[in-house]
Protein backbone atom coordinates (compact mmCIF):
# COMPACT_ATOMS: atom_id res chain seq x y z
CA MET A 1 188.01 82.82 -18.88
CA THR A 2 184.77 80.35 -20.06
CA PHE A 3 181.12 80.82 -18.00
CA LEU A 4 181.62 78.34 -15.93
CA GLU A 5 185.38 79.42 -14.55
CA LYS A 6 183.77 83.00 -14.09
CA ILE A 7 181.32 81.41 -11.90
CA ASN A 8 183.63 79.34 -10.01
CA TYR A 9 185.31 82.28 -9.62
CA TYR A 10 183.05 84.66 -8.42
CA LEU A 11 181.14 81.25 -6.30
CA PRO A 12 181.97 82.41 -2.31
CA GLU A 13 180.20 85.84 -3.49
CA LEU A 14 177.84 84.35 -4.85
CA ILE A 15 176.71 81.94 -1.93
CA GLN A 16 177.21 84.75 0.23
CA SER A 17 175.16 87.36 -1.77
CA LEU A 18 172.39 84.74 -1.49
CA GLN A 19 172.93 84.49 2.24
CA GLU A 20 172.07 87.99 2.41
CA THR A 21 169.15 88.02 0.87
CA CYS A 22 167.54 85.14 2.70
CA ILE A 23 168.34 86.91 5.42
CA MET A 24 166.61 90.28 4.53
CA LEU A 25 164.11 88.48 3.09
CA GLY A 26 163.33 86.09 5.64
CA TYR A 27 162.96 88.35 8.68
CA SER A 28 161.29 90.98 7.04
CA MET A 29 158.26 88.78 5.56
CA ILE A 30 157.93 87.52 9.08
CA MET A 31 157.78 91.17 10.02
CA THR A 32 155.34 91.67 7.12
CA LEU A 33 153.05 88.65 7.94
CA LEU A 34 153.10 89.40 12.09
CA ILE A 35 152.18 92.94 11.56
CA GLY A 36 150.21 93.28 7.97
CA LEU A 37 147.88 90.71 8.86
CA PRO A 38 146.39 92.47 11.69
CA LEU A 39 146.54 95.78 10.34
CA GLY A 40 144.84 94.62 6.83
CA ILE A 41 141.96 93.26 9.51
CA ALA A 42 141.91 96.31 11.00
CA LEU A 43 141.49 97.87 7.76
CA PHE A 44 138.87 95.69 6.97
CA LEU A 45 137.05 96.37 10.24
CA SER A 46 136.88 100.27 10.22
CA ASN A 47 136.30 100.21 6.33
CA PRO A 48 133.49 102.61 5.61
CA SER A 49 131.73 99.65 4.25
CA ILE A 50 131.95 97.89 6.83
CA ARG A 51 132.60 100.17 10.30
CA GLU A 52 132.92 97.45 13.05
CA LEU A 53 135.50 99.41 14.20
CA ASN A 54 135.97 103.33 14.56
CA ILE A 55 136.36 104.83 11.13
CA ASN A 56 138.80 107.19 12.06
CA TYR A 57 141.36 104.25 12.04
CA TYR A 58 140.60 103.51 8.62
CA TRP A 59 141.54 107.03 7.52
CA SER A 60 144.63 106.86 10.01
CA PHE A 61 146.09 103.42 8.49
CA ASN A 62 144.86 104.64 5.13
CA PHE A 63 146.57 108.07 5.01
CA LEU A 64 149.99 106.01 6.27
CA ILE A 65 149.63 103.13 4.18
CA THR A 66 149.39 105.22 1.00
CA PHE A 67 152.25 107.38 1.93
CA ILE A 68 154.43 104.80 1.66
CA ARG A 69 153.44 102.98 -0.98
CA SER A 70 153.72 106.32 -3.05
CA PHE A 71 157.31 106.92 -1.64
CA PRO A 72 159.54 106.18 -4.18
CA TYR A 73 161.61 102.86 -2.58
CA LEU A 74 165.30 104.01 -3.41
CA LEU A 75 164.61 107.74 -1.15
CA PHE A 76 162.61 105.61 1.30
CA VAL A 77 165.40 103.46 2.12
CA ILE A 78 167.77 106.27 2.00
CA SER A 79 165.68 108.63 4.58
CA LEU A 80 165.21 105.84 7.39
CA ILE A 81 168.79 105.27 7.50
CA PRO A 82 169.16 107.98 10.47
CA LEU A 83 166.35 105.99 11.98
CA THR A 84 167.59 102.54 11.01
CA ARG A 85 171.26 103.94 12.71
CA LEU A 86 169.12 105.04 15.42
CA ILE A 87 167.37 101.37 16.22
CA LEU A 88 170.35 99.00 15.70
CA GLY A 89 172.98 101.21 15.39
CA SER A 90 174.24 101.02 11.93
CA ALA A 91 172.30 101.55 8.45
CA PHE A 92 174.47 99.12 6.46
CA GLY A 93 174.28 95.51 5.82
CA PRO A 94 171.49 93.07 5.72
CA TYR A 95 170.15 93.17 8.92
CA PRO A 96 169.65 97.22 8.83
CA SER A 97 167.90 96.40 5.04
CA ILE A 98 165.44 94.49 7.24
CA ILE A 99 163.54 98.07 8.41
CA PRO A 100 162.87 99.76 5.24
CA LEU A 101 162.05 96.46 3.86
CA SER A 102 159.79 95.35 6.76
CA ILE A 103 157.67 98.92 6.94
CA VAL A 104 156.76 98.41 2.69
CA GLY A 105 156.07 94.96 2.99
CA ILE A 106 153.71 95.53 5.54
CA ALA A 107 152.35 98.76 3.77
CA ILE A 108 151.65 95.81 0.54
CA PHE A 109 150.03 93.28 2.73
CA SER A 110 148.16 95.08 4.51
CA ARG A 111 146.09 96.82 1.42
CA LEU A 112 146.22 93.16 -0.50
CA VAL A 113 144.76 91.53 2.97
CA GLU A 114 141.93 94.52 2.80
CA GLN A 115 140.93 93.63 -0.70
CA VAL A 116 140.78 89.96 0.31
CA LEU A 117 138.42 90.73 2.92
CA LEU A 118 136.33 93.03 1.24
CA ASP A 119 135.19 90.14 -1.03
CA ILE A 120 133.98 88.14 1.42
CA PRO A 121 130.20 87.59 1.25
CA GLY A 122 128.20 89.26 3.41
CA ASP A 123 126.22 86.34 4.43
CA ILE A 124 129.05 85.18 6.28
CA LYS A 125 128.42 87.97 8.43
CA THR A 126 125.34 87.35 9.18
CA LEU A 127 126.12 83.39 9.77
CA ALA A 128 128.64 84.78 12.78
CA GLU A 129 126.12 86.91 13.93
CA SER A 130 123.04 84.08 14.36
CA LEU A 131 125.69 81.95 15.57
CA GLY A 132 126.35 84.52 18.22
CA ALA A 133 129.97 84.77 17.18
CA THR A 134 131.88 87.36 18.86
CA LYS A 135 134.22 89.49 17.17
CA LEU A 136 137.27 87.71 18.15
CA LYS A 137 135.59 84.50 16.67
CA TYR A 138 134.10 86.33 13.94
CA ILE A 139 137.61 87.22 12.96
CA TRP A 140 139.44 84.16 13.28
CA ASN A 141 136.58 81.12 13.00
CA PHE A 142 134.85 83.01 9.86
CA ILE A 143 136.84 85.83 8.28
CA LEU A 144 139.94 84.36 7.83
CA VAL A 145 138.89 80.83 7.24
CA GLU A 146 136.77 82.06 4.33
CA SER A 147 139.49 84.08 2.94
CA ARG A 148 142.70 82.06 3.61
CA SER A 149 143.48 81.42 -0.06
CA GLY A 150 143.11 84.64 -0.94
CA ILE A 151 145.45 85.72 1.79
CA ILE A 152 147.96 83.28 1.16
CA LEU A 153 147.85 84.44 -2.61
CA ALA A 154 148.22 88.13 -1.17
CA TYR A 155 151.48 87.17 0.66
CA THR A 156 152.88 85.28 -2.22
CA THR A 157 152.64 88.47 -4.09
CA THR A 158 154.21 90.47 -1.62
CA THR A 159 156.94 88.41 -1.42
CA VAL A 160 157.94 88.47 -5.06
CA SER A 161 157.34 92.25 -4.72
CA MET A 162 160.01 92.24 -1.83
CA VAL A 163 162.55 89.67 -3.67
CA SER A 164 162.36 93.36 -6.40
CA TYR A 165 162.23 95.68 -3.65
CA SER A 166 165.62 93.89 -2.03
CA THR A 167 167.75 94.05 -5.16
CA VAL A 168 168.08 97.57 -4.62
CA MET A 169 169.48 96.81 -1.15
CA GLY A 170 173.09 97.35 -1.92
CA ILE A 171 172.84 100.83 -3.03
CA VAL A 172 172.67 101.17 0.94
CA GLY A 173 175.36 98.78 2.08
CA GLY A 174 172.32 95.55 2.23
CA GLY A 175 173.74 93.38 -0.39
CA GLY A 176 172.23 90.72 -2.01
CA ILE A 177 171.67 89.15 -5.25
CA GLY A 178 170.76 92.49 -6.76
CA ASP A 179 174.08 93.68 -5.59
CA PHE A 180 176.00 91.09 -6.32
CA ALA A 181 174.66 91.14 -10.38
CA ILE A 182 175.50 94.94 -10.32
CA ARG A 183 178.64 94.72 -8.50
CA TYR A 184 180.47 91.53 -10.17
CA GLY A 185 178.34 91.51 -13.06
CA TYR A 186 177.09 95.11 -14.82
CA GLN A 187 180.26 97.33 -12.74
CA SER A 188 183.26 94.57 -13.69
CA TYR A 189 182.08 94.02 -17.30
CA GLU A 190 180.66 90.54 -16.56
CA ASN A 191 177.53 90.49 -18.64
CA GLU A 192 177.58 86.47 -18.18
CA VAL A 193 177.81 86.98 -14.24
CA MET A 194 174.86 89.29 -14.47
CA TYR A 195 172.75 87.48 -16.31
CA PHE A 196 173.17 84.15 -14.37
CA SER A 197 172.26 86.22 -11.54
CA ILE A 198 169.10 87.91 -13.16
CA ILE A 199 168.17 84.15 -13.98
CA ILE A 200 168.32 82.96 -9.98
CA ILE A 201 166.36 85.68 -9.58
CA ILE A 202 164.09 85.05 -12.42
CA ILE A 203 163.78 81.39 -10.91
CA SER A 204 163.27 82.11 -7.48
CA VAL A 205 160.20 84.36 -8.39
CA PHE A 206 158.53 81.35 -9.97
CA ILE A 207 159.41 78.73 -7.17
CA ILE A 208 157.82 81.00 -5.21
CA GLN A 209 155.11 81.69 -6.87
CA MET A 210 154.82 78.24 -7.47
CA LEU A 211 154.29 77.27 -3.45
CA GLY A 212 152.12 79.95 -3.48
CA ASN A 213 149.48 78.83 -6.14
CA ASN A 214 149.67 75.27 -4.95
CA LEU A 215 148.95 76.15 -0.54
CA SER A 216 146.39 78.90 -2.01
CA ARG A 217 144.55 75.72 -4.32
CA LYS A 218 144.85 73.36 -1.11
CA LEU A 219 143.14 76.03 1.14
CA ASP A 220 140.38 76.71 -1.03
CA LYS A 221 137.48 76.23 0.70
CA ARG A 222 135.71 76.54 -2.83
CA LYS A 223 136.75 73.15 -4.26
């Protein structure tokens, strides 16, 4: 078969794998944003150089995040199979894959958010205090506004990392474009199919990065 004939032959499986990747990434990135952003703010406020919150929070969060990020991802996914099965009743498929992806995404994003917030000039806190801002208003109207461009870039970086992580979810039956490349490309000795899948992944990463950069540039209040 020619290259186009091979792609056309595997097209239904390719479309399904793309849908599975979208499911895994979509839900996991929502969880990453909803949990990772507040956790990153808590890390910043409890940082030893800031100490807006109890410093014990920082060391607890720091240990947990460092532990997750240092855990080999494939082994991490396998070790979570009992927990995933307990929560969802199954450990295989795109939806169970959301759990390990979300946990890793939260760990990565919260750490990046902390680093972005630590770069905020100290004058911002002084300004907020002089205006009598409460802690909640300080976070919402000063910290997040000042760092929104950096947070967008951090979220974009996390999303790109999650694309890479999602490609190994086929090991536990999660499917996705990575599983398609291995199963119908590498294992079937269809190198053209494998490289075509890789090109799709690369193009997706470029699109995500471009969108994140453009949004960050528009929200950058320094320009």
